[in-house]
């Protein structure tokens, strides 16, 4: 083999190696919350044309935090801010920031029930099993089938936290958590699973991200702290989120926000990134996260989410800058 031919082969192999390295450093893996999954998946699909490929696994907040703490992903996603005890296990440091807002709908499948309005007590009583028929809600007749999450979930944490704020009975008997001992109902995995139960079960009612309210599933209007019955949407979600005060770790929750137009079950969802140890992927991670906080916010409303605005958005972008190599 001539020297020139050897040089050509070696050069080709080097180029291929460089390409593989470039591809690897621009391919990210994330996992976590199902609540924002449609928003993330749409945003990351758009990002692919800009040279960054993101594989997001919608496995639930609990699993997402566990994978993040274990270091098996490039970023995690959760609907409940990471606990201090969990963050302490992450030697690479934690950068946490809200990525989008959303409302949790009390959704139902009942063709002859139009314009369902529920007081906060009624919502709690449905999931306590005290209300068992549609007759009790004065919205048609028949047995009421309750659907809930079967997996550890930030959506469940936010929803049960609101139920605890709505009802002393719920707080005393069940309480709040990513997973709870449900007094009644059938379980589905992820927002997708609960949505599937609702779609396929006439007479059912459950809780899902507003983005999953479609087809024969409708959302109930829930009475807020000010006494008004409010549907989950962009305007009512934004009114609620404006009452959430974030702490130094950009965590903050209000499970029954005040305000005449506030939807009472509204929440933020968070991204968990590593402060260091990202190596050559650091640039791609920052690019992906700024895309979430930039162009993707313009699509949030169309997908059933509440876009971030003002000081919350500014603080989230500032946090991304802390993601280092």
C-alpha atoms as a PDB file:
ATOM      1  CA  UNK A   1       0.000   0.000   0.000  1.00  0.00           C
ATOM      2  CA  UNK A   2       1.390   3.367  -0.991  1.00  0.00           C
ATOM      3  CA  UNK A   3       1.953   6.141   1.538  1.00  0.00           C
ATOM      4  CA  UNK A   4      -0.636   8.307  -0.251  1.00  0.00           C
ATOM      5  CA  UNK A   5      -3.261   5.584  -0.044  1.00  0.00           C
ATOM      6  CA  UNK A   6      -2.523   5.027   3.668  1.00  0.00           C
ATOM      7  CA  UNK A   7      -2.888   8.728   4.303  1.00  0.00           C
ATOM      8  CA  UNK A   8      -6.219   8.795   2.471  1.00  0.00           C
ATOM      9  CA  UNK A   9      -7.600   5.866   4.510  1.00  0.00           C
ATOM     10  CA  UNK A  10      -6.389   7.311   7.811  1.00  0.00           C
ATOM     11  CA  UNK A  11      -7.837  10.689   6.927  1.00  0.00           C
ATOM     12  CA  UNK A  12     -11.194   9.132   6.059  1.00  0.00           C
ATOM     13  CA  UNK A  13     -11.272   7.183   9.328  1.00  0.00           C
ATOM     14  CA  UNK A  14     -10.380  10.319  11.271  1.00  0.00           C
ATOM     15  CA  UNK A  15     -13.169  12.233   9.586  1.00  0.00           C
ATOM     16  CA  UNK A  16     -15.641   9.477  10.379  1.00  0.00           C
ATOM     17  CA  UNK A  17     -14.468   9.469  13.980  1.00  0.00           C
ATOM     18  CA  UNK A  18     -14.873  13.217  14.231  1.00  0.00           C
ATOM     19  CA  UNK A  19     -18.373  12.927  12.781  1.00  0.00           C
ATOM     20  CA  UNK A  20     -19.317  10.246  15.281  1.00  0.00           C
ATOM     21  CA  UNK A  21     -18.003  12.364  18.153  1.00  0.00           C
ATOM     22  CA  UNK A  22     -19.905  15.412  16.915  1.00  0.00           C
ATOM     23  CA  UNK A  23     -23.060  13.332  16.604  1.00  0.00           C
ATOM     24  CA  UNK A  24     -22.670  11.902  20.106  1.00  0.00           C
ATOM     25  CA  UNK A  25     -22.153  15.281  21.734  1.00  0.00           C
ATOM     26  CA  UNK A  26     -25.282  16.605  20.003  1.00  0.00           C
ATOM     27  CA  UNK A  27     -27.492  13.682  21.027  1.00  0.00           C
ATOM     28  CA  UNK A  28     -29.164  14.081  24.405  1.00  0.00           C
ATOM     29  CA  UNK A  29     -31.239  11.735  26.527  1.00  0.00           C
ATOM     30  CA  UNK A  30     -33.840  12.980  28.986  1.00  0.00           C
ATOM     31  CA  UNK A  31     -36.573  11.317  31.024  1.00  0.00           C
ATOM     32  CA  UNK A  32     -39.328  12.215  33.422  1.00  0.00           C
ATOM     33  CA  UNK A  33     -42.696  13.908  33.680  1.00  0.00           C
ATOM     34  CA  UNK A  34     -45.548  12.847  31.416  1.00  0.00           C
ATOM     35  CA  UNK A  35     -47.430  16.096  32.121  1.00  0.00           C
ATOM     36  CA  UNK A  36     -45.251  18.210  29.746  1.00  0.00           C
ATOM     37  CA  UNK A  37     -44.368  15.361  27.359  1.00  0.00           C
ATOM     38  CA  UNK A  38     -46.368  16.626  24.330  1.00  0.00           C
ATOM     39  CA  UNK A  39     -44.774  20.064  24.761  1.00  0.00           C
ATOM     40  CA  UNK A  40     -41.236  18.654  25.078  1.00  0.00           C
ATOM     41  CA  UNK A  41     -41.618  16.227  22.202  1.00  0.00           C
ATOM     42  CA  UNK A  42     -42.885  18.928  19.839  1.00  0.00           C
ATOM     43  CA  UNK A  43     -40.133  21.330  20.914  1.00  0.00           C
ATOM     44  CA  UNK A  44     -37.379  18.733  20.555  1.00  0.00           C
ATOM     45  CA  UNK A  45     -38.687  17.609  17.168  1.00  0.00           C
ATOM     46  CA  UNK A  46     -38.326  21.206  15.960  1.00  0.00           C
ATOM     47  CA  UNK A  47     -34.851  21.408  17.507  1.00  0.00           C
ATOM     48  CA  UNK A  48     -33.602  18.443  15.460  1.00  0.00           C
ATOM     49  CA  UNK A  49     -33.333  20.693  12.389  1.00  0.00           C
ATOM     50  CA  UNK A  50     -30.886  22.845  14.348  1.00  0.00           C
ATOM     51  CA  UNK A  51     -28.441  20.015  14.894  1.00  0.00           C
ATOM     52  CA  UNK A  52     -29.415  18.753  18.345  1.00  0.00           C
ATOM     53  CA  UNK A  53     -31.219  15.429  18.724  1.00  0.00           C
ATOM     54  CA  UNK A  54     -33.092  14.915  22.003  1.00  0.00           C
ATOM     55  CA  UNK A  55     -34.603  11.592  23.034  1.00  0.00           C
ATOM     56  CA  UNK A  56     -37.188  12.251  25.747  1.00  0.00           C
ATOM     57  CA  UNK A  57     -38.738   9.325  27.601  1.00  0.00           C
ATOM     58  CA  UNK A  58     -42.117  10.071  29.213  1.00  0.00           C
ATOM     59  CA  UNK A  59     -41.750   7.807  32.275  1.00  0.00           C
ATOM     60  CA  UNK A  60     -43.216   9.954  35.074  1.00  0.00           C
ATOM     61  CA  UNK A  61     -41.648  12.455  37.445  1.00  0.00           C
ATOM     62  CA  UNK A  62     -40.660   9.871  40.036  1.00  0.00           C
ATOM     63  CA  UNK A  63     -38.706   7.784  37.538  1.00  0.00           C
ATOM     64  CA  UNK A  64     -37.237  10.916  35.958  1.00  0.00           C
ATOM     65  CA  UNK A  65     -35.831  12.164  39.265  1.00  0.00           C
ATOM     66  CA  UNK A  66     -34.427   8.709  40.056  1.00  0.00           C
ATOM     67  CA  UNK A  67     -32.662   8.536  36.696  1.00  0.00           C
ATOM     68  CA  UNK A  68     -31.343  12.063  37.115  1.00  0.00           C
ATOM     69  CA  UNK A  69     -29.975  11.307  40.598  1.00  0.00           C
ATOM     70  CA  UNK A  70     -28.424   8.084  39.239  1.00  0.00           C
ATOM     71  CA  UNK A  71     -26.756  10.021  36.405  1.00  0.00           C
ATOM     72  CA  UNK A  72     -28.156   7.838  33.624  1.00  0.00           C
ATOM     73  CA  UNK A  73     -29.639  10.754  31.646  1.00  0.00           C
ATOM     74  CA  UNK A  74     -28.418  14.122  30.382  1.00  0.00           C
ATOM     75  CA  UNK A  75     -31.372  15.853  32.063  1.00  0.00           C
ATOM     76  CA  UNK A  76     -34.457  14.977  34.071  1.00  0.00           C
ATOM     77  CA  UNK A  77     -37.948  16.434  34.172  1.00  0.00           C
ATOM     78  CA  UNK A  78     -40.348  16.651  37.088  1.00  0.00           C
ATOM     79  CA  UNK A  79     -43.658  18.232  38.053  1.00  0.00           C
ATOM     80  CA  UNK A  80     -42.495  18.490  41.673  1.00  0.00           C
ATOM     81  CA  UNK A  81     -39.298  20.420  42.506  1.00  0.00           C
ATOM     82  CA  UNK A  82     -36.441  18.140  43.497  1.00  0.00           C
ATOM     83  CA  UNK A  83     -36.186  17.528  47.241  1.00  0.00           C
ATOM     84  CA  UNK A  84     -33.066  18.751  49.068  1.00  0.00           C
ATOM     85  CA  UNK A  85     -32.321  15.153  50.104  1.00  0.00           C
ATOM     86  CA  UNK A  86     -32.387  14.058  46.462  1.00  0.00           C
ATOM     87  CA  UNK A  87     -30.335  17.024  45.234  1.00  0.00           C
ATOM     88  CA  UNK A  88     -27.687  16.287  47.882  1.00  0.00           C
ATOM     89  CA  UNK A  89     -26.988  12.948  46.160  1.00  0.00           C
ATOM     90  CA  UNK A  90     -26.099  14.662  42.873  1.00  0.00           C
ATOM     91  CA  UNK A  91     -22.363  15.312  43.111  1.00  0.00           C
ATOM     92  CA  UNK A  92     -22.349  17.166  39.789  1.00  0.00           C
ATOM     93  CA  UNK A  93     -24.692  19.846  41.175  1.00  0.00           C
ATOM     94  CA  UNK A  94     -28.269  20.627  40.199  1.00  0.00           C
ATOM     95  CA  UNK A  95     -29.572  23.358  37.921  1.00  0.00           C
ATOM     96  CA  UNK A  96     -33.355  23.460  38.259  1.00  0.00           C
ATOM     97  CA  UNK A  97     -35.713  25.743  36.377  1.00  0.00           C
ATOM     98  CA  UNK A  98     -39.374  25.840  35.297  1.00  0.00           C
ATOM     99  CA  UNK A  99     -39.891  25.016  31.628  1.00  0.00           C
ATOM    100  CA  UNK A 100     -43.607  25.619  31.078  1.00  0.00           C
ATOM    101  CA  UNK A 101     -46.832  25.953  33.017  1.00  0.00           C
ATOM    102  CA  UNK A 102     -49.986  23.925  32.857  1.00  0.00           C
ATOM    103  CA  UNK A 103     -53.383  23.239  34.310  1.00  0.00           C
ATOM    104  CA  UNK A 104     -54.593  19.886  35.621  1.00  0.00           C
ATOM    105  CA  UNK A 105     -58.090  19.246  34.388  1.00  0.00           C
ATOM    106  CA  UNK A 106     -60.757  17.263  36.174  1.00  0.00           C
ATOM    107  CA  UNK A 107     -61.786  15.572  32.954  1.00  0.00           C
ATOM    108  CA  UNK A 108     -64.782  13.390  32.219  1.00  0.00           C
ATOM    109  CA  UNK A 109     -66.483  11.302  29.538  1.00  0.00           C
ATOM    110  CA  UNK A 110     -70.261  11.715  29.812  1.00  0.00           C
ATOM    111  CA  UNK A 111     -72.082  12.623  26.618  1.00  0.00           C
ATOM    112  CA  UNK A 112     -75.240  13.835  28.380  1.00  0.00           C
ATOM    113  CA  UNK A 113     -73.345  15.973  30.928  1.00  0.00           C
ATOM    114  CA  UNK A 114     -72.923  19.464  29.559  1.00  0.00           C
ATOM    115  CA  UNK A 115     -71.030  22.221  31.361  1.00  0.00           C
ATOM    116  CA  UNK A 116     -70.081  20.299  34.513  1.00  0.00           C
ATOM    117  CA  UNK A 117     -69.298  22.609  37.430  1.00  0.00           C
ATOM    118  CA  UNK A 118     -67.669  21.252  40.585  1.00  0.00           C
ATOM    119  CA  UNK A 119     -67.037  22.854  43.947  1.00  0.00           C
ATOM    120  CA  UNK A 120     -63.692  22.132  45.585  1.00  0.00           C
ATOM    121  CA  UNK A 121     -65.442  19.860  48.098  1.00  0.00           C
ATOM    122  CA  UNK A 122     -67.121  17.920  45.302  1.00  0.00           C
ATOM    123  CA  UNK A 123     -63.779  17.328  43.572  1.00  0.00           C
ATOM    124  CA  UNK A 124     -62.321  15.909  46.773  1.00  0.00           C
ATOM    125  CA  UNK A 125     -65.444  13.844  47.486  1.00  0.00           C
ATOM    126  CA  UNK A 126     -65.323  12.244  44.036  1.00  0.00           C
ATOM    127  CA  UNK A 127     -61.803  10.961  44.653  1.00  0.00           C
ATOM    128  CA  UNK A 128     -62.627  10.020  48.252  1.00  0.00           C
ATOM    129  CA  UNK A 129     -65.427   7.814  46.915  1.00  0.00           C
ATOM    130  CA  UNK A 130     -68.155   9.793  48.687  1.00  0.00           C
ATOM    131  CA  UNK A 131     -69.740  10.708  45.357  1.00  0.00           C
ATOM    132  CA  UNK A 132     -70.439   7.549  43.368  1.00  0.00           C
ATOM    133  CA  UNK A 133     -73.024   8.507  40.748  1.00  0.00           C
ATOM    134  CA  UNK A 134     -73.624  11.228  38.199  1.00  0.00           C
ATOM    135  CA  UNK A 135     -77.036  11.791  39.796  1.00  0.00           C
ATOM    136  CA  UNK A 136     -75.252  13.276  42.825  1.00  0.00           C
ATOM    137  CA  UNK A 137     -73.588  15.812  40.526  1.00  0.00           C
ATOM    138  CA  UNK A 138     -76.915  16.589  38.818  1.00  0.00           C
ATOM    139  CA  UNK A 139     -75.338  15.848  35.457  1.00  0.00           C
ATOM    140  CA  UNK A 140     -77.029  12.786  34.008  1.00  0.00           C
ATOM    141  CA  UNK A 141     -77.441   9.368  35.581  1.00  0.00           C
ATOM    142  CA  UNK A 142     -75.391   6.255  36.131  1.00  0.00           C
ATOM    143  CA  UNK A 143     -72.350   5.012  37.989  1.00  0.00           C
ATOM    144  CA  UNK A 144     -69.324   7.274  38.181  1.00  0.00           C
ATOM    145  CA  UNK A 145     -65.981   5.569  37.394  1.00  0.00           C
ATOM    146  CA  UNK A 146     -62.922   7.308  38.842  1.00  0.00           C
ATOM    147  CA  UNK A 147     -59.555   7.151  37.045  1.00  0.00           C
ATOM    148  CA  UNK A 148     -56.217   8.080  38.602  1.00  0.00           C
ATOM    149  CA  UNK A 149     -52.487   7.592  38.075  1.00  0.00           C
ATOM    150  CA  UNK A 150     -50.957   4.241  38.971  1.00  0.00           C
ATOM    151  CA  UNK A 151     -47.330   5.426  38.773  1.00  0.00           C
ATOM    152  CA  UNK A 152     -45.300   7.903  40.819  1.00  0.00           C
ATOM    153  CA  UNK A 153     -46.189  11.237  39.315  1.00  0.00           C
ATOM    154  CA  UNK A 154     -45.612  14.952  39.751  1.00  0.00           C
ATOM    155  CA  UNK A 155     -49.086  15.458  38.273  1.00  0.00           C
ATOM    156  CA  UNK A 156     -50.452  13.375  41.140  1.00  0.00           C
ATOM    157  CA  UNK A 157     -48.387  15.375  43.624  1.00  0.00           C
ATOM    158  CA  UNK A 158     -49.825  18.662  42.328  1.00  0.00           C
ATOM    159  CA  UNK A 159     -53.370  17.302  42.118  1.00  0.00           C
ATOM    160  CA  UNK A 160     -53.401  15.695  45.569  1.00  0.00           C
ATOM    161  CA  UNK A 161     -51.786  18.807  47.023  1.00  0.00           C
ATOM    162  CA  UNK A 162     -54.720  20.818  45.664  1.00  0.00           C
ATOM    163  CA  UNK A 163     -57.167  18.261  47.078  1.00  0.00           C
ATOM    164  CA  UNK A 164     -55.427  18.645  50.452  1.00  0.00           C
ATOM    165  CA  UNK A 165     -55.892  22.407  50.183  1.00  0.00           C
ATOM    166  CA  UNK A 166     -59.542  21.963  49.165  1.00  0.00           C
ATOM    167  CA  UNK A 167     -60.594  19.408  51.753  1.00  0.00           C
ATOM    168  CA  UNK A 168     -59.616  18.713  55.381  1.00  0.00           C
ATOM    169  CA  UNK A 169     -61.108  15.236  54.924  1.00  0.00           C
ATOM    170  CA  UNK A 170     -58.798  14.488  52.000  1.00  0.00           C
ATOM    171  CA  UNK A 171     -55.790  15.921  53.834  1.00  0.00           C
ATOM    172  CA  UNK A 172     -56.506  13.792  56.896  1.00  0.00           C
ATOM    173  CA  UNK A 173     -57.350  10.525  55.137  1.00  0.00           C
ATOM    174  CA  UNK A 174     -55.086  10.519  52.066  1.00  0.00           C
ATOM    175  CA  UNK A 175     -52.807  13.564  51.860  1.00  0.00           C
ATOM    176  CA  UNK A 176     -50.458  14.646  49.088  1.00  0.00           C
ATOM    177  CA  UNK A 177     -47.715  12.768  47.284  1.00  0.00           C
ATOM    178  CA  UNK A 178     -46.387  11.511  43.964  1.00  0.00           C
ATOM    179  CA  UNK A 179     -48.273   8.316  44.740  1.00  0.00           C
ATOM    180  CA  UNK A 180     -51.039   7.874  47.327  1.00  0.00           C
ATOM    181  CA  UNK A 181     -53.375   5.143  48.521  1.00  0.00           C
ATOM    182  CA  UNK A 182     -56.401   5.984  46.420  1.00  0.00           C
ATOM    183  CA  UNK A 183     -59.682   5.312  48.230  1.00  0.00           C
ATOM    184  CA  UNK A 184     -61.421   4.517  44.942  1.00  0.00           C
ATOM    185  CA  UNK A 185     -60.873   4.156  41.212  1.00  0.00           C
ATOM    186  CA  UNK A 186     -58.805   2.457  38.522  1.00  0.00           C
ATOM    187  CA  UNK A 187     -55.229   3.375  37.695  1.00  0.00           C
ATOM    188  CA  UNK A 188     -53.495   4.222  34.436  1.00  0.00           C
ATOM    189  CA  UNK A 189     -49.809   4.821  33.787  1.00  0.00           C
ATOM    190  CA  UNK A 190     -48.962   8.384  32.833  1.00  0.00           C
ATOM    191  CA  UNK A 191     -51.300  11.081  31.600  1.00  0.00           C
ATOM    192  CA  UNK A 192     -51.554   8.906  28.495  1.00  0.00           C
ATOM    193  CA  UNK A 193     -52.856   5.955  30.506  1.00  0.00           C
ATOM    194  CA  UNK A 194     -55.478   7.937  32.412  1.00  0.00           C
ATOM    195  CA  UNK A 195     -56.544   9.651  29.192  1.00  0.00           C
ATOM    196  CA  UNK A 196     -56.949   6.223  27.589  1.00  0.00           C
ATOM    197  CA  UNK A 197     -59.193   5.036  30.437  1.00  0.00           C
ATOM    198  CA  UNK A 198     -61.345   8.148  30.134  1.00  0.00           C
ATOM    199  CA  UNK A 199     -61.607   7.869  26.347  1.00  0.00           C
ATOM    200  CA  UNK A 200     -62.699   4.245  26.544  1.00  0.00           C
ATOM    201  CA  UNK A 201     -64.988   4.430  29.599  1.00  0.00           C
ATOM    202  CA  UNK A 202     -68.275   6.344  29.321  1.00  0.00           C
ATOM    203  CA  UNK A 203     -69.246   7.708  32.721  1.00  0.00           C
ATOM    204  CA  UNK A 204     -65.630   8.112  33.870  1.00  0.00           C
ATOM    205  CA  UNK A 205     -63.880  11.050  35.511  1.00  0.00           C
ATOM    206  CA  UNK A 206     -60.199  11.607  36.332  1.00  0.00           C
ATOM    207  CA  UNK A 207     -57.364  14.115  36.373  1.00  0.00           C
ATOM    208  CA  UNK A 208     -55.034  14.827  33.449  1.00  0.00           C
ATOM    209  CA  UNK A 209     -52.982  17.643  32.026  1.00  0.00           C
ATOM    210  CA  UNK A 210     -55.200  19.985  30.033  1.00  0.00           C
ATOM    211  CA  UNK A 211     -53.171  19.051  26.933  1.00  0.00           C
ATOM    212  CA  UNK A 212     -54.729  15.573  27.072  1.00  0.00           C
ATOM    213  CA  UNK A 213     -58.332  16.851  27.048  1.00  0.00           C
ATOM    214  CA  UNK A 214     -59.509  15.937  23.582  1.00  0.00           C
ATOM    215  CA  UNK A 215     -62.055  13.885  21.677  1.00  0.00           C
ATOM    216  CA  UNK A 216     -64.917  12.760  23.901  1.00  0.00           C
ATOM    217  CA  UNK A 217     -63.123  13.973  27.044  1.00  0.00           C
ATOM    218  CA  UNK A 218     -64.297  17.321  28.449  1.00  0.00           C
ATOM    219  CA  UNK A 219     -63.009  19.456  31.335  1.00  0.00           C
ATOM    220  CA  UNK A 220     -65.112  20.503  34.298  1.00  0.00           C
ATOM    221  CA  UNK A 221     -65.178  24.076  35.572  1.00  0.00           C
ATOM    222  CA  UNK A 222     -63.753  24.098  39.116  1.00  0.00           C
ATOM    223  CA  UNK A 223     -64.700  26.620  41.787  1.00  0.00           C
ATOM    224  CA  UNK A 224     -61.671  28.681  42.757  1.00  0.00           C
ATOM    225  CA  UNK A 225     -60.667  30.322  46.035  1.00  0.00           C
ATOM    226  CA  UNK A 226     -62.654  33.445  45.129  1.00  0.00           C
ATOM    227  CA  UNK A 227     -65.805  31.369  44.520  1.00  0.00           C
ATOM    228  CA  UNK A 228     -65.839  31.515  40.718  1.00  0.00           C
ATOM    229  CA  UNK A 229     -66.201  28.448  38.484  1.00  0.00           C
ATOM    230  CA  UNK A 230     -63.276  28.465  36.059  1.00  0.00           C
ATOM    231  CA  UNK A 231     -62.271  26.226  33.163  1.00  0.00           C
ATOM    232  CA  UNK A 232     -58.597  25.289  32.654  1.00  0.00           C
ATOM    233  CA  UNK A 233     -57.087  27.346  29.820  1.00  0.00           C
ATOM    234  CA  UNK A 234     -54.291  29.793  29.020  1.00  0.00           C
ATOM    235  CA  UNK A 235     -55.912  32.809  30.667  1.00  0.00           C
ATOM    236  CA  UNK A 236     -56.946  31.063  33.907  1.00  0.00           C
ATOM    237  CA  UNK A 237     -53.648  29.188  34.132  1.00  0.00           C
ATOM    238  CA  UNK A 238     -51.593  32.351  33.634  1.00  0.00           C
ATOM    239  CA  UNK A 239     -53.650  34.142  36.308  1.00  0.00           C
ATOM    240  CA  UNK A 240     -52.875  31.318  38.748  1.00  0.00           C
ATOM    241  CA  UNK A 241     -49.173  31.029  37.895  1.00  0.00           C
ATOM    242  CA  UNK A 242     -48.684  34.745  38.435  1.00  0.00           C
ATOM    243  CA  UNK A 243     -49.412  34.083  42.127  1.00  0.00           C
ATOM    244  CA  UNK A 244     -46.594  31.543  42.493  1.00  0.00           C
ATOM    245  CA  UNK A 245     -43.466  32.920  44.168  1.00  0.00           C
ATOM    246  CA  UNK A 246     -40.230  31.084  43.337  1.00  0.00           C
ATOM    247  CA  UNK A 247     -37.400  30.554  45.821  1.00  0.00           C
ATOM    248  CA  UNK A 248     -33.646  30.626  45.179  1.00  0.00           C
ATOM    249  CA  UNK A 249     -33.804  27.176  43.549  1.00  0.00           C
ATOM    250  CA  UNK A 250     -36.641  28.345  41.275  1.00  0.00           C
ATOM    251  CA  UNK A 251     -39.066  26.082  43.118  1.00  0.00           C
ATOM    252  CA  UNK A 252     -42.469  27.336  44.141  1.00  0.00           C
ATOM    253  CA  UNK A 253     -46.024  26.081  44.439  1.00  0.00           C
ATOM    254  CA  UNK A 254     -49.478  27.367  45.352  1.00  0.00           C
ATOM    255  CA  UNK A 255     -52.108  24.655  45.342  1.00  0.00           C
ATOM    256  CA  UNK A 256     -55.155  26.911  45.630  1.00  0.00           C
ATOM    257  CA  UNK A 257     -54.151  30.311  44.265  1.00  0.00           C
ATOM    258  CA  UNK A 258     -56.201  33.420  44.860  1.00  0.00           C
ATOM    259  CA  UNK A 259     -57.590  35.581  42.066  1.00  0.00           C
ATOM    260  CA  UNK A 260     -60.998  35.955  40.479  1.00  0.00           C
ATOM    261  CA  UNK A 261     -59.860  34.358  37.232  1.00  0.00           C
ATOM    262  CA  UNK A 262     -57.370  31.805  38.600  1.00  0.00           C
ATOM    263  CA  UNK A 263     -57.845  28.125  37.799  1.00  0.00           C
ATOM    264  CA  UNK A 264     -57.238  26.413  41.157  1.00  0.00           C
ATOM    265  CA  UNK A 265     -55.240  23.384  39.976  1.00  0.00           C
ATOM    266  CA  UNK A 266     -52.342  25.002  38.108  1.00  0.00           C
ATOM    267  CA  UNK A 267     -48.691  24.100  38.263  1.00  0.00           C
ATOM    268  CA  UNK A 268     -45.251  24.613  36.830  1.00  0.00           C
ATOM    269  CA  UNK A 269     -43.077  21.782  35.565  1.00  0.00           C
ATOM    270  CA  UNK A 270     -39.299  21.738  35.944  1.00  0.00           C
ATOM    271  CA  UNK A 271     -36.156  20.633  34.118  1.00  0.00           C
ATOM    272  CA  UNK A 272     -33.252  19.197  36.119  1.00  0.00           C
ATOM    273  CA  UNK A 273     -29.804  19.635  34.577  1.00  0.00           C
ATOM    274  CA  UNK A 274     -26.290  19.069  35.884  1.00  0.00           C
ATOM    275  CA  UNK A 275     -24.162  22.041  36.861  1.00  0.00           C
ATOM    276  CA  UNK A 276     -20.958  20.303  35.798  1.00  0.00           C
ATOM    277  CA  UNK A 277     -19.700  17.043  34.335  1.00  0.00           C
ATOM    278  CA  UNK A 278     -21.537  17.565  31.042  1.00  0.00           C
ATOM    279  CA  UNK A 279     -18.328  17.535  29.007  1.00  0.00           C
ATOM    280  CA  UNK A 280     -18.723  18.102  25.283  1.00  0.00           C
ATOM    281  CA  UNK A 281     -22.515  17.929  25.610  1.00  0.00           C
ATOM    282  CA  UNK A 282     -22.744  21.140  27.641  1.00  0.00           C
ATOM    283  CA  UNK A 283     -23.320  23.353  24.609  1.00  0.00           C
ATOM    284  CA  UNK A 284     -26.011  21.099  23.188  1.00  0.00           C
ATOM    285  CA  UNK A 285     -27.793  20.945  26.560  1.00  0.00           C
ATOM    286  CA  UNK A 286     -27.833  24.732  26.867  1.00  0.00           C
ATOM    287  CA  UNK A 287     -29.043  25.052  23.271  1.00  0.00           C
ATOM    288  CA  UNK A 288     -31.865  22.575  23.874  1.00  0.00           C
ATOM    289  CA  UNK A 289     -32.975  24.268  27.074  1.00  0.00           C
ATOM    290  CA  UNK A 290     -32.905  27.763  25.584  1.00  0.00           C
ATOM    291  CA  UNK A 291     -35.018  26.426  22.728  1.00  0.00           C
ATOM    292  CA  UNK A 292     -37.560  25.214  25.294  1.00  0.00           C
ATOM    293  CA  UNK A 293     -37.550  28.647  26.918  1.00  0.00           C
ATOM    294  CA  UNK A 294     -37.492  30.503  23.602  1.00  0.00           C
ATOM    295  CA  UNK A 295     -39.317  29.533  20.387  1.00  0.00           C
ATOM    296  CA  UNK A 296     -41.114  26.602  22.023  1.00  0.00           C
ATOM    297  CA  UNK A 297     -42.979  28.921  24.425  1.00  0.00           C
ATOM    298  CA  UNK A 298     -44.848  30.328  21.416  1.00  0.00           C
ATOM    299  CA  UNK A 299     -46.341  26.881  20.784  1.00  0.00           C
ATOM    300  CA  UNK A 300     -47.300  26.185  24.410  1.00  0.00           C
ATOM    301  CA  UNK A 301     -50.864  27.521  24.252  1.00  0.00           C
ATOM    302  CA  UNK A 302     -51.710  25.614  21.061  1.00  0.00           C
ATOM    303  CA  UNK A 303     -50.559  22.409  22.773  1.00  0.00           C
ATOM    304  CA  UNK A 304     -52.640  23.028  25.906  1.00  0.00           C
ATOM    305  CA  UNK A 305     -49.970  24.557  28.147  1.00  0.00           C
ATOM    306  CA  UNK A 306     -49.382  27.927  29.776  1.00  0.00           C
ATOM    307  CA  UNK A 307     -46.274  29.693  28.402  1.00  0.00           C
ATOM    308  CA  UNK A 308     -43.802  31.313  30.783  1.00  0.00           C
ATOM    309  CA  UNK A 309     -43.637  35.090  30.768  1.00  0.00           C
ATOM    310  CA  UNK A 310     -41.891  37.909  32.622  1.00  0.00           C
ATOM    311  CA  UNK A 311     -39.714  37.316  35.657  1.00  0.00           C
ATOM    312  CA  UNK A 312     -40.219  33.531  35.744  1.00  0.00           C
ATOM    313  CA  UNK A 313     -38.976  33.192  32.159  1.00  0.00           C
ATOM    314  CA  UNK A 314     -36.040  35.531  32.793  1.00  0.00           C
ATOM    315  CA  UNK A 315     -34.969  33.558  35.879  1.00  0.00           C
ATOM    316  CA  UNK A 316     -35.230  30.256  33.995  1.00  0.00           C
ATOM    317  CA  UNK A 317     -32.999  31.518  31.161  1.00  0.00           C
ATOM    318  CA  UNK A 318     -30.458  32.784  33.677  1.00  0.00           C
ATOM    319  CA  UNK A 319     -30.365  29.300  35.256  1.00  0.00           C
ATOM    320  CA  UNK A 320     -29.494  27.691  31.911  1.00  0.00           C
ATOM    321  CA  UNK A 321     -26.279  29.734  31.826  1.00  0.00           C
ATOM    322  CA  UNK A 322     -25.147  27.797  34.920  1.00  0.00           C
ATOM    323  CA  UNK A 323     -25.001  24.534  32.967  1.00  0.00           C
ATOM    324  CA  UNK A 324     -21.280  24.028  32.490  1.00  0.00           C
ATOM    325  CA  UNK A 325     -18.910  21.460  31.043  1.00  0.00           C
END
